[in-house]
Amino acid sequence: GTLSDDEGVLARIVRDLAADRLGLQL
C-alpha cells in the first residue's frame, strides 16, 4: 500500500481466502 500499490490486491486476496478456506465473509 506504500511502496507497492497493492493494498487493493492484498485486501481482495485476504477476503477471498477468508471465504474460500474459512467460510468467513469479510
PDB file of all heavy atoms in Angstrom:
ATOM      1  N   GLY A   1       0.785  -1.218   0.000  1.00  0.00           N
ATOM      2  CA  GLY A   1       0.000   0.000   0.000  1.00  0.00           C
ATOM      3  C   GLY A   1       0.821   1.273   0.000  1.00  0.00           C
ATOM      4  O   GLY A   1       0.264   2.366  -0.131  1.00  0.00           O
ATOM      5  N   THR A   2       2.134   1.135   0.133  1.00  0.00           N
ATOM      6  CA  THR A   2       3.003   2.314   0.177  1.00  0.00           C
ATOM      7  C   THR A   2       3.975   2.262  -0.993  1.00  0.00           C
ATOM      8  O   THR A   2       3.729   2.854  -2.030  1.00  0.00           O
ATOM      9  CB  THR A   2       3.751   2.402   1.528  1.00  0.00           C
ATOM     10  OG1 THR A   2       2.795   2.450   2.593  1.00  0.00           O
ATOM     11  CG2 THR A   2       4.618   3.651   1.595  1.00  0.00           C
ATOM     12  N   LEU A   3       5.085   1.559  -0.836  1.00  0.00           N
ATOM     13  CA  LEU A   3       5.991   1.409  -1.975  1.00  0.00           C
ATOM     14  C   LEU A   3       5.295   0.633  -3.091  1.00  0.00           C
ATOM     15  O   LEU A   3       5.418   0.958  -4.274  1.00  0.00           O
ATOM     16  CB  LEU A   3       7.272   0.698  -1.547  1.00  0.00           C
ATOM     17  CG  LEU A   3       8.326   0.561  -2.645  1.00  0.00           C
ATOM     18  CD1 LEU A   3       8.838   1.920  -3.092  1.00  0.00           C
ATOM     19  CD2 LEU A   3       9.485  -0.310  -2.172  1.00  0.00           C
ATOM     20  N   SER A   4       4.562  -0.394  -2.700  1.00  0.00           N
ATOM     21  CA  SER A   4       3.817  -1.196  -3.672  1.00  0.00           C
ATOM     22  C   SER A   4       2.348  -0.785  -3.643  1.00  0.00           C
ATOM     23  O   SER A   4       1.713  -0.792  -2.589  1.00  0.00           O
ATOM     24  CB  SER A   4       3.944  -2.685  -3.318  1.00  0.00           C
ATOM     25  OG  SER A   4       3.224  -3.481  -4.232  1.00  0.00           O
ATOM     26  N   ASP A   5       1.829  -0.421  -4.791  1.00  0.00           N
ATOM     27  CA  ASP A   5       0.428  -0.007  -4.886  1.00  0.00           C
ATOM     28  C   ASP A   5      -0.443  -1.259  -4.980  1.00  0.00           C
ATOM     29  O   ASP A   5      -1.059  -1.552  -6.007  1.00  0.00           O
ATOM     30  CB  ASP A   5       0.231   0.886  -6.116  1.00  0.00           C
ATOM     31  CG  ASP A   5      -1.195   1.398  -6.248  1.00  0.00           C
ATOM     32  OD1 ASP A   5      -1.921   1.377  -5.239  1.00  0.00           O
ATOM     33  OD2 ASP A   5      -1.569   1.809  -7.350  1.00  0.00           O
ATOM     34  N   ASP A   6      -0.486  -2.008  -3.886  1.00  0.00           N
ATOM     35  CA  ASP A   6      -1.108  -3.333  -3.908  1.00  0.00           C
ATOM     36  C   ASP A   6      -2.135  -3.561  -2.812  1.00  0.00           C
ATOM     37  O   ASP A   6      -2.586  -4.693  -2.618  1.00  0.00           O
ATOM     38  CB  ASP A   6      -0.019  -4.410  -3.789  1.00  0.00           C
ATOM     39  CG  ASP A   6       0.719  -4.328  -2.450  1.00  0.00           C
ATOM     40  OD1 ASP A   6       0.423  -3.427  -1.641  1.00  0.00           O
ATOM     41  OD2 ASP A   6       1.609  -5.165  -2.220  1.00  0.00           O
ATOM     42  N   GLU A   7      -2.499  -2.511  -2.074  1.00  0.00           N
ATOM     43  CA  GLU A   7      -3.391  -2.734  -0.944  1.00  0.00           C
ATOM     44  C   GLU A   7      -4.730  -3.302  -1.403  1.00  0.00           C
ATOM     45  O   GLU A   7      -5.309  -4.158  -0.735  1.00  0.00           O
ATOM     46  CB  GLU A   7      -3.608  -1.437  -0.156  1.00  0.00           C
ATOM     47  CG  GLU A   7      -4.216  -1.655   1.218  1.00  0.00           C
ATOM     48  CD  GLU A   7      -3.372  -2.528   2.126  1.00  0.00           C
ATOM     49  OE1 GLU A   7      -2.166  -2.264   2.278  1.00  0.00           O
ATOM     50  OE2 GLU A   7      -3.934  -3.496   2.679  1.00  0.00           O
ATOM     51  N   GLY A   8      -5.210  -2.834  -2.550  1.00  0.00           N
ATOM     52  CA  GLY A   8      -6.455  -3.379  -3.076  1.00  0.00           C
ATOM     53  C   GLY A   8      -6.324  -4.848  -3.434  1.00  0.00           C
ATOM     54  O   GLY A   8      -7.237  -5.650  -3.182  1.00  0.00           O
ATOM     55  N   VAL A   9      -5.174  -5.214  -4.004  1.00  0.00           N
ATOM     56  CA  VAL A   9      -4.915  -6.617  -4.346  1.00  0.00           C
ATOM     57  C   VAL A   9      -4.853  -7.460  -3.084  1.00  0.00           C
ATOM     58  O   VAL A   9      -5.469  -8.533  -2.997  1.00  0.00           O
ATOM     59  CB  VAL A   9      -3.589  -6.743  -5.127  1.00  0.00           C
ATOM     60  CG1 VAL A   9      -3.208  -8.211  -5.325  1.00  0.00           C
ATOM     61  CG2 VAL A   9      -3.689  -6.039  -6.466  1.00  0.00           C
ATOM     62  N   LEU A  10      -4.125  -6.980  -2.067  1.00  0.00           N
ATOM     63  CA  LEU A  10      -3.990  -7.719  -0.824  1.00  0.00           C
ATOM     64  C   LEU A  10      -5.341  -7.870  -0.127  1.00  0.00           C
ATOM     65  O   LEU A  10      -5.662  -8.943   0.399  1.00  0.00           O
ATOM     66  CB  LEU A  10      -2.994  -7.015   0.098  1.00  0.00           C
ATOM     67  CG  LEU A  10      -2.652  -7.734   1.398  1.00  0.00           C
ATOM     68  CD1 LEU A  10      -2.029  -9.093   1.111  1.00  0.00           C
ATOM     69  CD2 LEU A  10      -1.703  -6.885   2.236  1.00  0.00           C
ATOM     70  N   ALA A  11      -6.137  -6.804  -0.123  1.00  0.00           N
ATOM     71  CA  ALA A  11      -7.458  -6.864   0.505  1.00  0.00           C
ATOM     72  C   ALA A  11      -8.329  -7.924  -0.172  1.00  0.00           C
ATOM     73  O   ALA A  11      -9.022  -8.703   0.502  1.00  0.00           O
ATOM     74  CB  ALA A  11      -8.130  -5.498   0.437  1.00  0.00           C
ATOM     75  N   ARG A  12      -8.294  -7.943  -1.500  1.00  0.00           N
ATOM     76  CA  ARG A  12      -9.089  -8.940  -2.228  1.00  0.00           C
ATOM     77  C   ARG A  12      -8.629 -10.352  -1.910  1.00  0.00           C
ATOM     78  O   ARG A  12      -9.455 -11.257  -1.697  1.00  0.00           O
ATOM     79  CB  ARG A  12      -9.001  -8.677  -3.730  1.00  0.00           C
ATOM     80  CG  ARG A  12      -9.706  -9.735  -4.574  1.00  0.00           C
ATOM     81  CD  ARG A  12      -9.606  -9.433  -6.054  1.00  0.00           C
ATOM     82  NE  ARG A  12      -8.246  -9.246  -6.515  1.00  0.00           N
ATOM     83  CZ  ARG A  12      -7.389 -10.243  -6.734  1.00  0.00           C
ATOM     84  NH1 ARG A  12      -7.753 -11.495  -6.522  1.00  0.00           N
ATOM     85  NH2 ARG A  12      -6.166  -9.994  -7.169  1.00  0.00           N
ATOM     86  N   ILE A  13      -7.315 -10.558  -1.863  1.00  0.00           N
ATOM     87  CA  ILE A  13      -6.781 -11.886  -1.577  1.00  0.00           C
ATOM     88  C   ILE A  13      -7.185 -12.339  -0.180  1.00  0.00           C
ATOM     89  O   ILE A  13      -7.603 -13.481   0.024  1.00  0.00           O
ATOM     90  CB  ILE A  13      -5.244 -11.884  -1.725  1.00  0.00           C
ATOM     91  CG1 ILE A  13      -4.862 -11.742  -3.198  1.00  0.00           C
ATOM     92  CG2 ILE A  13      -4.642 -13.165  -1.146  1.00  0.00           C
ATOM     93  CD1 ILE A  13      -3.379 -11.535  -3.434  1.00  0.00           C
ATOM     94  N   VAL A  14      -7.067 -11.455   0.800  1.00  0.00           N
ATOM     95  CA  VAL A  14      -7.414 -11.809   2.179  1.00  0.00           C
ATOM     96  C   VAL A  14      -8.901 -12.132   2.288  1.00  0.00           C
ATOM     97  O   VAL A  14      -9.299 -13.118   2.922  1.00  0.00           O
ATOM     98  CB  VAL A  14      -7.039 -10.665   3.145  1.00  0.00           C
ATOM     99  CG1 VAL A  14      -7.651 -10.894   4.525  1.00  0.00           C
ATOM    100  CG2 VAL A  14      -5.524 -10.560   3.262  1.00  0.00           C
ATOM    101  N   ARG A  15      -9.747 -11.331   1.650  1.00  0.00           N
ATOM    102  CA  ARG A  15     -11.186 -11.561   1.730  1.00  0.00           C
ATOM    103  C   ARG A  15     -11.572 -12.871   1.026  1.00  0.00           C
ATOM    104  O   ARG A  15     -12.408 -13.630   1.526  1.00  0.00           O
ATOM    105  CB  ARG A  15     -11.934 -10.380   1.133  1.00  0.00           C
ATOM    106  CG  ARG A  15     -11.788  -9.085   1.940  1.00  0.00           C
ATOM    107  CD  ARG A  15     -12.446  -7.912   1.248  1.00  0.00           C
ATOM    108  NE  ARG A  15     -13.880  -8.131   1.111  1.00  0.00           N
ATOM    109  CZ  ARG A  15     -14.631  -7.565   0.184  1.00  0.00           C
ATOM    110  NH1 ARG A  15     -14.088  -6.746  -0.719  1.00  0.00           N
ATOM    111  NH2 ARG A  15     -15.928  -7.814   0.138  1.00  0.00           N
ATOM    112  N   ASP A  16     -10.949 -13.126  -0.123  1.00  0.00           N
ATOM    113  CA  ASP A  16     -11.225 -14.376  -0.837  1.00  0.00           C
ATOM    114  C   ASP A  16     -10.732 -15.575  -0.036  1.00  0.00           C
ATOM    115  O   ASP A  16     -11.410 -16.617   0.025  1.00  0.00           O
ATOM    116  CB  ASP A  16     -10.545 -14.367  -2.210  1.00  0.00           C
ATOM    117  CG  ASP A  16     -11.230 -13.432  -3.196  1.00  0.00           C
ATOM    118  OD1 ASP A  16     -12.334 -12.938  -2.885  1.00  0.00           O
ATOM    119  OD2 ASP A  16     -10.642 -13.178  -4.265  1.00  0.00           O
ATOM    120  N   LEU A  17      -9.564 -15.436   0.571  1.00  0.00           N
ATOM    121  CA  LEU A  17      -9.003 -16.523   1.371  1.00  0.00           C
ATOM    122  C   LEU A  17      -9.901 -16.826   2.566  1.00  0.00           C
ATOM    123  O   LEU A  17     -10.144 -18.001   2.901  1.00  0.00           O
ATOM    124  CB  LEU A  17      -7.603 -16.136   1.835  1.00  0.00           C
ATOM    125  CG  LEU A  17      -6.726 -17.227   2.460  1.00  0.00           C
ATOM    126  CD1 LEU A  17      -6.467 -18.334   1.442  1.00  0.00           C
ATOM    127  CD2 LEU A  17      -5.411 -16.621   2.932  1.00  0.00           C
ATOM    128  N   ALA A  18     -10.396 -15.773   3.205  1.00  0.00           N
ATOM    129  CA  ALA A  18     -11.292 -15.955   4.348  1.00  0.00           C
ATOM    130  C   ALA A  18     -12.551 -16.713   3.947  1.00  0.00           C
ATOM    131  O   ALA A  18     -13.018 -17.613   4.664  1.00  0.00           O
ATOM    132  CB  ALA A  18     -11.657 -14.602   4.944  1.00  0.00           C
ATOM    133  N   ALA A  19     -13.089 -16.369   2.790  1.00  0.00           N
ATOM    134  CA  ALA A  19     -14.309 -17.025   2.319  1.00  0.00           C
ATOM    135  C   ALA A  19     -14.045 -18.459   1.862  1.00  0.00           C
ATOM    136  O   ALA A  19     -14.772 -19.392   2.234  1.00  0.00           O
ATOM    137  CB  ALA A  19     -14.932 -16.215   1.184  1.00  0.00           C
ATOM    138  N   ASP A  20     -12.981 -18.640   1.077  1.00  0.00           N
ATOM    139  CA  ASP A  20     -12.703 -19.952   0.486  1.00  0.00           C
ATOM    140  C   ASP A  20     -12.270 -20.979   1.524  1.00  0.00           C
ATOM    141  O   ASP A  20     -12.696 -22.142   1.471  1.00  0.00           O
ATOM    142  CB  ASP A  20     -11.611 -19.833  -0.580  1.00  0.00           C
ATOM    143  CG  ASP A  20     -12.030 -18.962  -1.754  1.00  0.00           C
ATOM    144  OD1 ASP A  20     -13.227 -18.677  -1.890  1.00  0.00           O
ATOM    145  OD2 ASP A  20     -11.126 -18.544  -2.516  1.00  0.00           O
ATOM    146  N   ARG A  21     -11.410 -20.574   2.452  1.00  0.00           N
ATOM    147  CA  ARG A  21     -10.833 -21.520   3.396  1.00  0.00           C
ATOM    148  C   ARG A  21     -11.573 -21.606   4.725  1.00  0.00           C
ATOM    149  O   ARG A  21     -11.555 -22.642   5.380  1.00  0.00           O
ATOM    150  CB  ARG A  21      -9.367 -21.147   3.667  1.00  0.00           C
ATOM    151  CG  ARG A  21      -8.424 -21.384   2.510  1.00  0.00           C
ATOM    152  CD  ARG A  21      -8.320 -22.892   2.206  1.00  0.00           C
ATOM    153  NE  ARG A  21      -7.834 -23.625   3.363  1.00  0.00           N
ATOM    154  CZ  ARG A  21      -6.548 -23.862   3.619  1.00  0.00           C
ATOM    155  NH1 ARG A  21      -5.630 -23.430   2.772  1.00  0.00           N
ATOM    156  NH2 ARG A  21      -6.182 -24.535   4.694  1.00  0.00           N
ATOM    157  N   LEU A  22     -12.214 -20.502   5.132  1.00  0.00           N
ATOM    158  CA  LEU A  22     -12.822 -20.464   6.460  1.00  0.00           C
ATOM    159  C   LEU A  22     -14.330 -20.232   6.438  1.00  0.00           C
ATOM    160  O   LEU A  22     -14.969 -20.225   7.493  1.00  0.00           O
ATOM    161  CB  LEU A  22     -12.150 -19.367   7.306  1.00  0.00           C
ATOM    162  CG  LEU A  22     -10.638 -19.505   7.507  1.00  0.00           C
ATOM    163  CD1 LEU A  22     -10.089 -18.267   8.198  1.00  0.00           C
ATOM    164  CD2 LEU A  22     -10.305 -20.756   8.297  1.00  0.00           C
ATOM    165  N   GLY A  23     -14.884 -20.002   5.256  1.00  0.00           N
ATOM    166  CA  GLY A  23     -16.306 -19.718   5.186  1.00  0.00           C
ATOM    167  C   GLY A  23     -16.675 -18.419   5.871  1.00  0.00           C
ATOM    168  O   GLY A  23     -17.792 -18.233   6.340  1.00  0.00           O
ATOM    169  N   LEU A  24     -15.727 -17.497   5.896  1.00  0.00           N
ATOM    170  CA  LEU A  24     -15.893 -16.243   6.627  1.00  0.00           C
ATOM    171  C   LEU A  24     -16.092 -15.103   5.634  1.00  0.00           C
ATOM    172  O   LEU A  24     -15.238 -14.854   4.786  1.00  0.00           O
ATOM    173  CB  LEU A  24     -14.644 -15.990   7.476  1.00  0.00           C
ATOM    174  CG  LEU A  24     -14.654 -14.841   8.472  1.00  0.00           C
ATOM    175  CD1 LEU A  24     -15.685 -15.082   9.557  1.00  0.00           C
ATOM    176  CD2 LEU A  24     -13.268 -14.678   9.095  1.00  0.00           C
ATOM    177  N   GLN A  25     -17.203 -14.410   5.734  1.00  0.00           N
ATOM    178  CA  GLN A  25     -17.484 -13.279   4.851  1.00  0.00           C
ATOM    179  C   GLN A  25     -16.953 -11.998   5.497  1.00  0.00           C
ATOM    180  O   GLN A  25     -17.420 -11.580   6.544  1.00  0.00           O
ATOM    181  CB  GLN A  25     -18.989 -13.161   4.603  1.00  0.00           C
ATOM    182  CG  GLN A  25     -19.592 -14.393   3.936  1.00  0.00           C
ATOM    183  CD  GLN A  25     -18.912 -14.743   2.615  1.00  0.00           C
ATOM    184  OE1 GLN A  25     -18.676 -13.856   1.784  1.00  0.00           O
ATOM    185  NE2 GLN A  25     -18.608 -16.019   2.420  1.00  0.00           N
ATOM    186  N   LEU A  26     -15.966 -11.413   4.856  1.00  0.00           N
ATOM    187  CA  LEU A  26     -15.303 -10.223   5.382  1.00  0.00           C
ATOM    188  C   LEU A  26     -15.557  -9.070   4.425  1.00  0.00           C
ATOM    189  O   LEU A  26     -15.207  -9.138   3.249  1.00  0.00           O
ATOM    190  CB  LEU A  26     -13.797 -10.487   5.495  1.00  0.00           C
ATOM    191  CG  LEU A  26     -12.931  -9.441   6.191  1.00  0.00           C
ATOM    192  CD1 LEU A  26     -13.194  -9.445   7.690  1.00  0.00           C
ATOM    193  CD2 LEU A  26     -11.449  -9.715   5.920  1.00  0.00           C
TER     194      LEU A  26
END
